[in-house]
C-alpha atoms as a PDB file:
ATOM      1  CA  MET A   1      -0.641 -20.838  -0.222  1.00  0.00           C
ATOM      2  CA  SER A   2       2.190 -21.054   2.150  1.00  0.00           C
ATOM      3  CA  HIS A   3       3.275 -18.332   4.432  1.00  0.00           C
ATOM      4  CA  ARG A   4       6.743 -18.226   2.636  1.00  0.00           C
ATOM      5  CA  ARG A   5       5.346 -17.792  -0.771  1.00  0.00           C
ATOM      6  CA  ALA A   6       2.927 -15.078   0.578  1.00  0.00           C
ATOM      7  CA  VAL A   7       5.927 -13.093   1.787  1.00  0.00           C
ATOM      8  CA  LEU A   8       7.698 -13.799  -1.516  1.00  0.00           C
ATOM      9  CA  LEU A   9       4.647 -12.331  -3.329  1.00  0.00           C
ATOM     10  CA  MET A  10       4.189  -9.466  -0.793  1.00  0.00           C
ATOM     11  CA  ILE A  11       7.832  -8.555  -1.637  1.00  0.00           C
ATOM     12  CA  LEU A  12       6.807  -8.569  -5.360  1.00  0.00           C
ATOM     13  CA  VAL A  13       4.096  -6.164  -4.386  1.00  0.00           C
ATOM     14  CA  THR A  14       6.254  -3.656  -2.833  1.00  0.00           C
ATOM     15  CA  LEU A  15       8.515  -3.860  -5.796  1.00  0.00           C
ATOM     16  CA  LEU A  16       5.763  -3.075  -8.114  1.00  0.00           C
ATOM     17  CA  TRP A  17       4.405  -0.242  -5.901  1.00  0.00           C
ATOM     18  CA  SER A  18       7.971   1.221  -5.815  1.00  0.00           C
ATOM     19  CA  MET A  19       8.034   1.812  -9.627  1.00  0.00           C
ATOM     20  CA  ALA A  20       6.112   5.209  -9.399  1.00  0.00           C
ATOM     21  CA  GLY A  21       8.943   7.365  -8.391  1.00  0.00           C
ATOM     22  CA  VAL A  22      11.434   6.450 -11.130  1.00  0.00           C
ATOM     23  CA  VAL A  23       8.767   6.490 -13.723  1.00  0.00           C
ATOM     24  CA  SER A  24       7.581  10.048 -12.545  1.00  0.00           C
ATOM     25  CA  ARG A  25      10.985  11.367 -13.217  1.00  0.00           C
ATOM     26  CA  HIS A  26      10.476  10.705 -16.952  1.00  0.00           C
ATOM     27  CA  LEU A  27       7.111  12.483 -17.339  1.00  0.00           C
ATOM     28  CA  GLU A  28       7.254  15.737 -19.630  1.00  0.00           C
ATOM     29  CA  GLY A  29       3.937  17.840 -18.702  1.00  0.00           C
ATOM     30  CA  ALA A  30       1.913  15.976 -16.188  1.00  0.00           C
ATOM     31  CA  ARG A  31       2.111  17.337 -12.622  1.00  0.00           C
ATOM     32  CA  SER A  32       0.645  16.683  -9.144  1.00  0.00           C
ATOM     33  CA  PHE A  33      -3.111  15.990  -9.287  1.00  0.00           C
ATOM     34  CA  GLU A  34      -2.966  15.116 -13.015  1.00  0.00           C
ATOM     35  CA  VAL A  35      -0.653  12.196 -12.241  1.00  0.00           C
ATOM     36  CA  THR A  36      -2.906  11.015  -9.736  1.00  0.00           C
ATOM     37  CA  PHE A  37      -5.989  11.252 -12.024  1.00  0.00           C
ATOM     38  CA  TRP A  38      -4.509   9.541 -14.998  1.00  0.00           C
ATOM     39  CA  ARG A  39      -2.768   6.635 -12.789  1.00  0.00           C
ATOM     40  CA  SER A  40      -6.089   6.128 -10.996  1.00  0.00           C
ATOM     41  CA  ALA A  41      -8.227   6.214 -14.168  1.00  0.00           C
ATOM     42  CA  PHE A  42      -5.928   3.571 -15.754  1.00  0.00           C
ATOM     43  CA  ASN A  43      -6.142   1.745 -12.465  1.00  0.00           C
ATOM     44  CA  ALA A  44      -9.848   1.829 -12.632  1.00  0.00           C
ATOM     45  CA  LEU A  45     -10.040   0.688 -16.272  1.00  0.00           C
ATOM     46  CA  ALA A  46      -7.654  -2.311 -15.579  1.00  0.00           C
ATOM     47  CA  LEU A  47      -9.351  -3.455 -12.771  1.00  0.00           C
ATOM     48  CA  ALA A  48     -12.771  -3.157 -14.533  1.00  0.00           C
ATOM     49  CA  VAL A  49     -11.573  -5.307 -17.301  1.00  0.00           C
ATOM     50  CA  ALA A  50     -10.109  -7.871 -15.050  1.00  0.00           C
ATOM     51  CA  LEU A  51     -12.743  -8.041 -12.368  1.00  0.00           C
ATOM     52  CA  THR A  52     -15.369  -8.531 -15.207  1.00  0.00           C
ATOM     53  CA  ALA A  53     -13.523 -11.240 -16.609  1.00  0.00           C
ATOM     54  CA  LEU A  54     -13.183 -12.818 -12.875  1.00  0.00           C
ATOM     55  CA  ARG A  55     -16.643 -12.085 -11.739  1.00  0.00           C
ATOM     56  CA  GLY A  56     -18.679 -11.538 -14.967  1.00  0.00           C
ATOM     57  CA  PRO A  57     -21.357  -8.873 -15.735  1.00  0.00           C
ATOM     58  CA  GLN A  58     -22.907  -9.223 -12.230  1.00  0.00           C
ATOM     59  CA  LEU A  59     -19.899  -7.422 -10.822  1.00  0.00           C
ATOM     60  CA  TRP A  60     -21.413  -4.133 -11.590  1.00  0.00           C
ATOM     61  CA  ALA A  61     -24.785  -5.099 -10.000  1.00  0.00           C
ATOM     62  CA  GLY A  62     -22.811  -6.394  -6.937  1.00  0.00           C
ATOM     63  CA  LEU A  63     -21.187  -3.137  -6.644  1.00  0.00           C
ATOM     64  CA  VAL A  64     -24.424  -1.479  -5.579  1.00  0.00           C
ATOM     65  CA  ARG A  65     -25.372  -4.074  -3.183  1.00  0.00           C
ATOM     66  CA  ALA A  66     -21.954  -4.410  -1.739  1.00  0.00           C
ATOM     67  CA  PRO A  67     -21.578  -4.748   2.021  1.00  0.00           C
ATOM     68  CA  ARG A  68     -20.296  -1.695   4.076  1.00  0.00           C
ATOM     69  CA  LEU A  69     -16.956  -3.571   4.737  1.00  0.00           C
ATOM     70  CA  VAL A  70     -16.404  -3.514   0.811  1.00  0.00           C
ATOM     71  CA  TRP A  71     -17.328   0.243   0.681  1.00  0.00           C
ATOM     72  CA  ALA A  72     -15.257   1.166   3.500  1.00  0.00           C
ATOM     73  CA  SER A  73     -12.247  -0.472   2.265  1.00  0.00           C
ATOM     74  CA  GLY A  74     -12.987   1.032  -1.231  1.00  0.00           C
ATOM     75  CA  LEU A  75     -12.697   4.468   0.643  1.00  0.00           C
ATOM     76  CA  CYS A  76      -9.470   3.609   2.140  1.00  0.00           C
ATOM     77  CA  TRP A  77      -8.002   2.772  -1.115  1.00  0.00           C
ATOM     78  CA  ALA A  78      -9.269   6.059  -2.546  1.00  0.00           C
ATOM     79  CA  VAL A  79      -7.408   7.916   0.344  1.00  0.00           C
ATOM     80  CA  MET A  80      -4.405   5.980  -0.251  1.00  0.00           C
ATOM     81  CA  TYR A  81      -4.123   6.770  -3.913  1.00  0.00           C
ATOM     82  CA  THR A  82      -4.724  10.408  -3.631  1.00  0.00           C
ATOM     83  CA  ALA A  83      -3.604  11.519   0.012  1.00  0.00           C
ATOM     84  CA  PHE A  84       0.139  10.858  -0.853  1.00  0.00           C
ATOM     85  CA  MET A  85      -0.069  13.145  -3.738  1.00  0.00           C
ATOM     86  CA  VAL A  86      -1.790  15.954  -2.060  1.00  0.00           C
ATOM     87  CA  ALA A  87       0.636  15.855   0.871  1.00  0.00           C
ATOM     88  CA  LEU A  88       3.414  16.329  -1.487  1.00  0.00           C
ATOM     89  CA  THR A  89       1.818  19.640  -2.664  1.00  0.00           C
ATOM     90  CA  LEU A  90       1.647  20.830   0.955  1.00  0.00           C
ATOM     91  CA  THR A  91       5.078  19.725   2.566  1.00  0.00           C
ATOM     92  CA  THR A  92       8.405  18.018   1.880  1.00  0.00           C
ATOM     93  CA  VAL A  93       8.759  14.486   0.473  1.00  0.00           C
ATOM     94  CA  ALA A  94      10.783  13.488   3.504  1.00  0.00           C
ATOM     95  CA  ASN A  95       8.124  14.575   5.758  1.00  0.00           C
ATOM     96  CA  VAL A  96       5.430  12.425   3.882  1.00  0.00           C
ATOM     97  CA  LEU A  97       7.661   9.473   3.949  1.00  0.00           C
ATOM     98  CA  VAL A  98       8.557   9.624   7.723  1.00  0.00           C
ATOM     99  CA  MET A  99       4.760  10.047   8.351  1.00  0.00           C
ATOM    100  CA  MET A 100       4.354   6.832   6.240  1.00  0.00           C
ATOM    101  CA  ALA A 101       6.666   4.913   8.362  1.00  0.00           C
ATOM    102  CA  LEU A 102       4.117   5.070  11.172  1.00  0.00           C
ATOM    103  CA  GLY A 103       1.907   2.545   9.105  1.00  0.00           C
ATOM    104  CA  PRO A 104       3.157  -0.840  10.618  1.00  0.00           C
ATOM    105  CA  LEU A 105       2.667   0.768  14.336  1.00  0.00           C
ATOM    106  CA  MET A 106      -0.779   1.852  13.496  1.00  0.00           C
ATOM    107  CA  THR A 107      -1.736  -1.448  11.782  1.00  0.00           C
ATOM    108  CA  ALA A 108      -0.525  -3.234  14.882  1.00  0.00           C
ATOM    109  CA  LEU A 109      -2.578  -1.129  17.229  1.00  0.00           C
ATOM    110  CA  LEU A 110      -5.713  -1.322  15.337  1.00  0.00           C
ATOM    111  CA  ALA A 111      -5.401  -5.186  14.887  1.00  0.00           C
ATOM    112  CA  ARG A 112      -4.912  -5.442  18.810  1.00  0.00           C
ATOM    113  CA  LEU A 113      -7.935  -3.116  19.443  1.00  0.00           C
ATOM    114  CA  PHE A 114     -10.641  -4.519  16.871  1.00  0.00           C
ATOM    115  CA  LEU A 115      -9.409  -7.959  16.120  1.00  0.00           C
ATOM    116  CA  ALA A 116      -8.008  -8.966  19.698  1.00  0.00           C
ATOM    117  CA  GLN A 117      -4.917 -10.011  17.745  1.00  0.00           C
ATOM    118  CA  ARG A 118      -1.711 -10.388  19.862  1.00  0.00           C
ATOM    119  CA  LEU A 119       1.627  -9.578  18.140  1.00  0.00           C
ATOM    120  CA  PRO A 120       4.640 -11.356  19.181  1.00  0.00           C
ATOM    121  CA  PRO A 121       7.470  -9.380  20.658  1.00  0.00           C
ATOM    122  CA  ARG A 122       9.565 -10.027  17.541  1.00  0.00           C
ATOM    123  CA  THR A 123       7.077  -8.175  15.342  1.00  0.00           C
ATOM    124  CA  TRP A 124       7.018  -5.214  17.640  1.00  0.00           C
ATOM    125  CA  LEU A 125      10.750  -5.184  17.605  1.00  0.00           C
ATOM    126  CA  ALA A 126      10.738  -5.192  13.778  1.00  0.00           C
ATOM    127  CA  ILE A 127       8.243  -2.292  13.518  1.00  0.00           C
ATOM    128  CA  LEU A 128      10.328  -0.416  15.816  1.00  0.00           C
ATOM    129  CA  LEU A 129      13.611  -0.975  13.926  1.00  0.00           C
ATOM    130  CA  ALA A 130      12.211  -0.509  10.549  1.00  0.00           C
ATOM    131  CA  GLY A 131      10.408   2.660  11.641  1.00  0.00           C
ATOM    132  CA  GLY A 132      13.683   3.893  13.073  1.00  0.00           C
ATOM    133  CA  GLY A 133      15.439   3.110   9.704  1.00  0.00           C
ATOM    134  CA  VAL A 134      13.032   4.829   7.776  1.00  0.00           C
ATOM    135  CA  ALA A 135      13.249   7.874   9.962  1.00  0.00           C
ATOM    136  CA  TRP A 136      17.211   7.726   9.580  1.00  0.00           C
ATOM    137  CA  MET A 137      16.891   7.776   6.093  1.00  0.00           C
ATOM    138  CA  PHE A 138      15.121  11.106   5.870  1.00  0.00           C
ATOM    139  CA  ALA A 139      15.329  12.950   9.174  1.00  0.00           C
ATOM    140  CA  ARG A 140      19.017  13.625   8.907  1.00  0.00           C
ATOM    141  CA  HIS A 141      18.491  15.827   6.243  1.00  0.00           C
ATOM    142  CA  PRO A 142      15.229  17.904   7.063  1.00  0.00           C
ATOM    143  CA  GLY A 143      13.910  20.087   4.322  1.00  0.00           C
ATOM    144  CA  ALA A 144      12.254  23.443   4.462  1.00  0.00           C
ATOM    145  CA  GLY A 145       8.351  23.899   3.863  1.00  0.00           C
ATOM    146  CA  VAL A 146       7.476  21.169   6.579  1.00  0.00           C
ATOM    147  CA  SER A 147       3.914  22.307   7.541  1.00  0.00           C
ATOM    148  CA  LEU A 148       1.281  21.122   9.997  1.00  0.00           C
ATOM    149  CA  THR A 149      -1.426  20.742   7.357  1.00  0.00           C
ATOM    150  CA  GLY A 150       0.889  18.810   5.142  1.00  0.00           C
ATOM    151  CA  SER A 151       1.866  16.477   7.959  1.00  0.00           C
ATOM    152  CA  VAL A 152      -1.721  15.994   8.824  1.00  0.00           C
ATOM    153  CA  VAL A 153      -2.774  15.112   5.236  1.00  0.00           C
ATOM    154  CA  ALA A 154       0.370  12.639   5.092  1.00  0.00           C
ATOM    155  CA  LEU A 155      -0.885  11.006   8.168  1.00  0.00           C
ATOM    156  CA  ALA A 156      -3.940   9.907   6.175  1.00  0.00           C
ATOM    157  CA  VAL A 157      -1.810   7.602   4.179  1.00  0.00           C
ATOM    158  CA  PRO A 158      -0.353   5.173   6.862  1.00  0.00           C
ATOM    159  CA  LEU A 159      -3.891   5.639   8.659  1.00  0.00           C
ATOM    160  CA  ALA A 160      -5.893   4.555   5.710  1.00  0.00           C
ATOM    161  CA  ALA A 161      -3.469   1.637   4.947  1.00  0.00           C
ATOM    162  CA  ALA A 162      -3.888   0.544   8.601  1.00  0.00           C
ATOM    163  CA  ILE A 163      -7.619   0.728   8.566  1.00  0.00           C
ATOM    164  CA  ASN A 164      -7.740  -1.023   5.281  1.00  0.00           C
ATOM    165  CA  TRP A 165      -5.325  -4.192   6.316  1.00  0.00           C
ATOM    166  CA  THR A 166      -7.619  -4.325   9.496  1.00  0.00           C
ATOM    167  CA  LEU A 167     -10.740  -4.459   7.230  1.00  0.00           C
ATOM    168  CA  LEU A 168      -8.875  -7.017   4.921  1.00  0.00           C
ATOM    169  CA  GLN A 169      -8.026  -9.090   7.770  1.00  0.00           C
ATOM    170  CA  ALA A 170     -11.520  -8.978   9.178  1.00  0.00           C
ATOM    171  CA  ALA A 171     -12.950 -10.138   5.995  1.00  0.00           C
ATOM    172  CA  GLY A 172     -10.184 -12.988   5.865  1.00  0.00           C
ATOM    173  CA  HIS A 173     -11.421 -13.976   9.320  1.00  0.00           C
ATOM    174  CA  ARG A 174     -15.002 -14.285   7.961  1.00  0.00           C
ATOM    175  CA  ASP A 175     -13.954 -16.242   5.002  1.00  0.00           C
ATOM    176  CA  MET A 176     -12.346 -18.628   7.285  1.00  0.00           C
ATOM    177  CA  ALA A 177     -15.275 -18.849   9.525  1.00  0.00           C
ATOM    178  CA  THR A 178     -17.471 -19.975   6.534  1.00  0.00           C
ATOM    179  CA  ASN A 179     -16.468 -23.471   6.982  1.00  0.00           C
ATOM    180  CA  THR A 180     -17.721 -23.749  10.452  1.00  0.00           C
ATOM    181  CA  GLU A 181     -20.518 -21.036  10.713  1.00  0.00           C
ATOM    182  CA  GLY A 182     -21.948 -20.820   7.135  1.00  0.00           C
ATOM    183  CA  ALA A 183     -21.392 -17.232   6.822  1.00  0.00           C
ATOM    184  CA  VAL A 184     -20.976 -15.639   3.547  1.00  0.00           C
ATOM    185  CA  ALA A 185     -17.717 -14.001   3.141  1.00  0.00           C
ATOM    186  CA  PRO A 186     -17.768 -10.549   1.443  1.00  0.00           C
ATOM    187  CA  ASP A 187     -15.715 -10.402  -1.913  1.00  0.00           C
ATOM    188  CA  MET A 188     -13.145  -7.710  -1.064  1.00  0.00           C
ATOM    189  CA  LEU A 189     -11.560  -7.508  -4.745  1.00  0.00           C
ATOM    190  CA  PRO A 190     -14.331  -4.914  -6.054  1.00  0.00           C
ATOM    191  CA  ALA A 191     -13.191  -2.417  -3.049  1.00  0.00           C
ATOM    192  CA  VAL A 192      -9.884  -1.894  -5.215  1.00  0.00           C
ATOM    193  CA  LEU A 193     -12.052  -0.950  -8.190  1.00  0.00           C
ATOM    194  CA  LEU A 194     -14.290   1.424  -6.057  1.00  0.00           C
ATOM    195  CA  GLY A 195     -11.104   3.088  -4.566  1.00  0.00           C
ATOM    196  CA  ALA A 196      -9.635   3.643  -7.918  1.00  0.00           C
ATOM    197  CA  MET A 197     -12.825   5.335  -9.371  1.00  0.00           C
ATOM    198  CA  VAL A 198     -13.509   7.515  -6.418  1.00  0.00           C
ATOM    199  CA  SER A 199      -9.749   8.646  -6.743  1.00  0.00           C
ATOM    200  CA  ALA A 200     -10.049   9.516 -10.379  1.00  0.00           C
ATOM    201  CA  ALA A 201     -13.401  11.390  -9.940  1.00  0.00           C
ATOM    202  CA  ALA A 202     -12.033  13.377  -6.871  1.00  0.00           C
ATOM    203  CA  THR A 203      -8.824  14.547  -8.527  1.00  0.00           C
ATOM    204  CA  LEU A 204     -10.213  15.272 -11.893  1.00  0.00           C
ATOM    205  CA  PRO A 205     -11.424  18.923 -11.135  1.00  0.00           C
ATOM    206  CA  ALA A 206      -8.150  19.765  -9.552  1.00  0.00           C
ATOM    207  CA  ALA A 207      -6.131  18.079 -12.468  1.00  0.00           C
ATOM    208  CA  TRP A 208      -8.209  20.177 -15.145  1.00  0.00           C
ATOM    209  CA  PRO A 209      -7.072  21.492 -17.663  1.00  0.00           C
ATOM    210  CA  LEU A 210      -5.239  18.209 -18.565  1.00  0.00           C
ATOM    211  CA  GLN A 211      -1.547  18.779 -19.772  1.00  0.00           C
ATOM    212  CA  ALA A 212      -0.132  15.430 -20.070  1.00  0.00           C
ATOM    213  CA  THR A 213       1.494  14.516 -23.491  1.00  0.00           C
ATOM    214  CA  ALA A 214       1.093  11.109 -25.140  1.00  0.00           C
ATOM    215  CA  HIS A 215       4.391  10.217 -23.608  1.00  0.00           C
ATOM    216  CA  ASP A 216       2.999  10.724 -20.138  1.00  0.00           C
ATOM    217  CA  ILE A 217      -0.184   9.072 -20.740  1.00  0.00           C
ATOM    218  CA  GLY A 218       1.645   5.809 -21.832  1.00  0.00           C
ATOM    219  CA  LEU A 219       3.786   5.898 -18.664  1.00  0.00           C
ATOM    220  CA  LEU A 220       0.902   6.718 -16.359  1.00  0.00           C
ATOM    221  CA  GLY A 221      -1.180   3.925 -18.168  1.00  0.00           C
ATOM    222  CA  PHE A 222       1.725   1.551 -17.240  1.00  0.00           C
ATOM    223  CA  LEU A 223       1.687   2.919 -13.669  1.00  0.00           C
ATOM    224  CA  GLY A 224      -2.027   2.266 -13.287  1.00  0.00           C
ATOM    225  CA  VAL A 225      -1.894  -1.338 -14.470  1.00  0.00           C
ATOM    226  CA  PHE A 226       1.096  -2.632 -13.094  1.00  0.00           C
ATOM    227  CA  GLN A 227       2.082  -0.301 -10.209  1.00  0.00           C
ATOM    228  CA  LEU A 228      -1.551  -0.126  -8.807  1.00  0.00           C
ATOM    229  CA  ALA A 229      -4.092  -2.604 -10.244  1.00  0.00           C
ATOM    230  CA  LEU A 230      -2.015  -5.816 -10.349  1.00  0.00           C
ATOM    231  CA  PRO A 231      -0.362  -5.397  -6.829  1.00  0.00           C
ATOM    232  CA  CYS A 232      -3.293  -4.167  -5.078  1.00  0.00           C
ATOM    233  CA  LEU A 233      -5.342  -7.151  -6.170  1.00  0.00           C
ATOM    234  CA  LEU A 234      -2.555  -9.291  -5.049  1.00  0.00           C
ATOM    235  CA  VAL A 235      -2.311  -7.768  -1.675  1.00  0.00           C
ATOM    236  CA  VAL A 236      -6.018  -8.498  -1.161  1.00  0.00           C
ATOM    237  CA  ARG A 237      -5.413 -12.108  -1.864  1.00  0.00           C
ATOM    238  CA  LEU A 238      -2.532 -12.052   0.401  1.00  0.00           C
ATOM    239  CA  SER A 239      -4.491 -10.717   3.372  1.00  0.00           C
ATOM    240  CA  ARG A 240      -6.053 -14.167   3.867  1.00  0.00           C
ATOM    241  CA  VAL A 241      -2.509 -15.622   4.642  1.00  0.00           C
ATOM    242  CA  LEU A 242      -0.489 -12.402   5.993  1.00  0.00           C
ATOM    243  CA  SER A 243      -1.557 -10.547   9.184  1.00  0.00           C
ATOM    244  CA  GLY A 244      -2.089  -6.913   8.646  1.00  0.00           C
ATOM    245  CA  ALA A 245       1.086  -5.955  10.603  1.00  0.00           C
ATOM    246  CA  GLU A 246       3.145  -8.354   8.226  1.00  0.00           C
ATOM    247  CA  ILE A 247       1.621  -6.707   5.405  1.00  0.00           C
ATOM    248  CA  SER A 248       2.313  -3.288   6.394  1.00  0.00           C
ATOM    249  CA  LEU A 249       5.911  -4.109   7.793  1.00  0.00           C
ATOM    250  CA  LEU A 250       6.856  -5.677   4.484  1.00  0.00           C
ATOM    251  CA  GLY A 251       5.235  -2.597   2.553  1.00  0.00           C
ATOM    252  CA  LEU A 252       8.208  -0.545   4.020  1.00  0.00           C
ATOM    253  CA  LEU A 253      10.219  -2.192   1.537  1.00  0.00           C
ATOM    254  CA  GLU A 254       8.791   0.104  -1.057  1.00  0.00           C
ATOM    255  CA  LEU A 255      10.916   2.789   0.285  1.00  0.00           C
ATOM    256  CA  VAL A 256      14.046   0.997  -0.148  1.00  0.00           C
ATOM    257  CA  PHE A 257      12.994  -0.443  -3.613  1.00  0.00           C
ATOM    258  CA  GLY A 258      11.977   3.295  -4.579  1.00  0.00           C
ATOM    259  CA  VAL A 259      15.330   4.747  -3.642  1.00  0.00           C
ATOM    260  CA  ALA A 260      17.195   1.898  -5.506  1.00  0.00           C
ATOM    261  CA  LEU A 261      15.030   2.146  -8.645  1.00  0.00           C
ATOM    262  CA  ALA A 262      15.386   6.026  -8.666  1.00  0.00           C
ATOM    263  CA  TRP A 263      19.308   5.503  -8.448  1.00  0.00           C
ATOM    264  CA  LEU A 264      19.382   2.951 -11.291  1.00  0.00           C
ATOM    265  CA  GLY A 265      16.704   4.467 -13.553  1.00  0.00           C
ATOM    266  CA  ALA A 266      16.918   8.133 -12.935  1.00  0.00           C
ATOM    267  CA  GLY A 267      20.445   8.744 -11.708  1.00  0.00           C
ATOM    268  CA  GLU A 268      19.525   9.909  -8.082  1.00  0.00           C
ATOM    269  CA  VAL A 269      22.484   8.364  -6.213  1.00  0.00           C
ATOM    270  CA  PRO A 270      21.240   7.673  -2.464  1.00  0.00           C
ATOM    271  CA  GLY A 271      23.456   9.129   0.268  1.00  0.00           C
ATOM    272  CA  ARG A 272      25.174   7.366   3.223  1.00  0.00           C
ATOM    273  CA  ASP A 273      22.034   7.941   5.553  1.00  0.00           C
ATOM    274  CA  THR A 274      19.819   6.558   2.995  1.00  0.00           C
ATOM    275  CA  VAL A 275      21.851   3.367   2.494  1.00  0.00           C
ATOM    276  CA  VAL A 276      22.012   2.922   6.523  1.00  0.00           C
ATOM    277  CA  GLY A 277      18.622   3.625   6.977  1.00  0.00           C
ATOM    278  CA  GLY A 278      17.517   1.052   4.215  1.00  0.00           C
ATOM    279  CA  ALA A 279      19.737  -1.484   5.587  1.00  0.00           C
ATOM    280  CA  LEU A 280      17.946  -1.071   9.049  1.00  0.00           C
ATOM    281  CA  VAL A 281      14.488  -1.772   7.316  1.00  0.00           C
ATOM    282  CA  VAL A 282      15.779  -4.888   5.476  1.00  0.00           C
ATOM    283  CA  ALA A 283      17.378  -6.123   8.848  1.00  0.00           C
ATOM    284  CA  ALA A 284      14.082  -5.630  10.533  1.00  0.00           C
ATOM    285  CA  LEU A 285      12.106  -7.698   7.877  1.00  0.00           C
ATOM    286  CA  LEU A 286      14.581 -10.307   7.902  1.00  0.00           C
ATOM    287  CA  LEU A 287      14.678 -10.521  11.646  1.00  0.00           C
ATOM    288  CA  ASN A 288      10.928 -10.795  11.846  1.00  0.00           C
ATOM    289  CA  GLU A 289      10.844 -13.653   9.517  1.00  0.00           C
ATOM    290  CA  LEU A 290      13.853 -15.607  10.814  1.00  0.00           C
ATOM    291  CA  LEU A 291      12.524 -15.384  14.436  1.00  0.00           C
ATOM    292  CA  ALA A 292       9.368 -16.826  13.244  1.00  0.00           C
ATOM    293  CA  LEU A 293      10.800 -19.919  11.527  1.00  0.00           C
ATOM    294  CA  PRO A 294      10.923 -22.102  14.591  1.00  0.00           C
ATOM    295  CA  ALA A 295       7.270 -21.335  15.573  1.00  0.00           C
ATOM    296  CA  ARG A 296       5.816 -22.124  12.271  1.00  0.00           C
ATOM    297  CA  PRO A 297       6.438 -25.910  12.186  1.00  0.00           C
ATOM    298  CA  ARG A 298       4.700 -26.033  15.853  1.00  0.00           C
ATOM    299  CA  GLN A 299       1.753 -24.059  14.632  1.00  0.00           C
ATOM    300  CA  ALA A 300       1.276 -26.440  11.389  1.00  0.00           C
ATOM    301  CA  ALA A 301       1.435 -29.496  13.636  1.00  0.00           C
ATOM    302  CA  ARG A 302      -1.697 -28.252  15.804  1.00  0.00           C
ATOM    303  CA  PRO A 303      -4.911 -29.992  14.711  1.00  0.00           C
END
């Protein structure tokens, strides 16, 4: 897969991820933990069907014998699925989203520390510019109810994502090393399934008694399949081509797409500060990709 195609697919992934907000505006009875439970449960069901078709019945026996790297990634997926919703019950949406903007910086630092991966100055500049754009979108209108506990829980979302992207990149490095060292690369796709099952099991007690209507279950089933299962499987594959910092940076488009979809699908018109902040995020992503174009032909020409 070419780098350009990987970037385009990652943009599609962020578009799919961004559907949660607009769809949740049309729910009737499901709230908070129940939304997370149903979404994770349908996510797990879709992944179980898809991965069984891809890997066969040995998938389930392989889960028990999966290496620690797979289980660690699965735990990261579970935290990412659930911590966002828990944080929203403790603090404001703006505070949660500002904390999520720290994801690219955390990913870059972890890749530098544990993978000895040097990031070009353009990527650091893009991370800072995109983070500033997200902060601009929400910090201009701080809401009430910001709490230290909520901020710490919200911080778990970008931290788990940064660890996960680093783990996936480490698995990708092992995959590339297979040709020269004979090592067996771990299959990271089951980690997404493990995360979904852990998330559904962890949120069910807090979601009980269930109050979702048939309409809600249909919408949450759609989210579980197309907003979680499909894009999460894609991002595992893309981690072989894109660096963790690129995945995290492109993931910030989820906030821009989310605002746009809420505007078009739920009538939530974005303010001027939201438009300015979103423009900064898009500019940062374009800058990162445009500055990388002259370097890629030279890299491809190397033996």
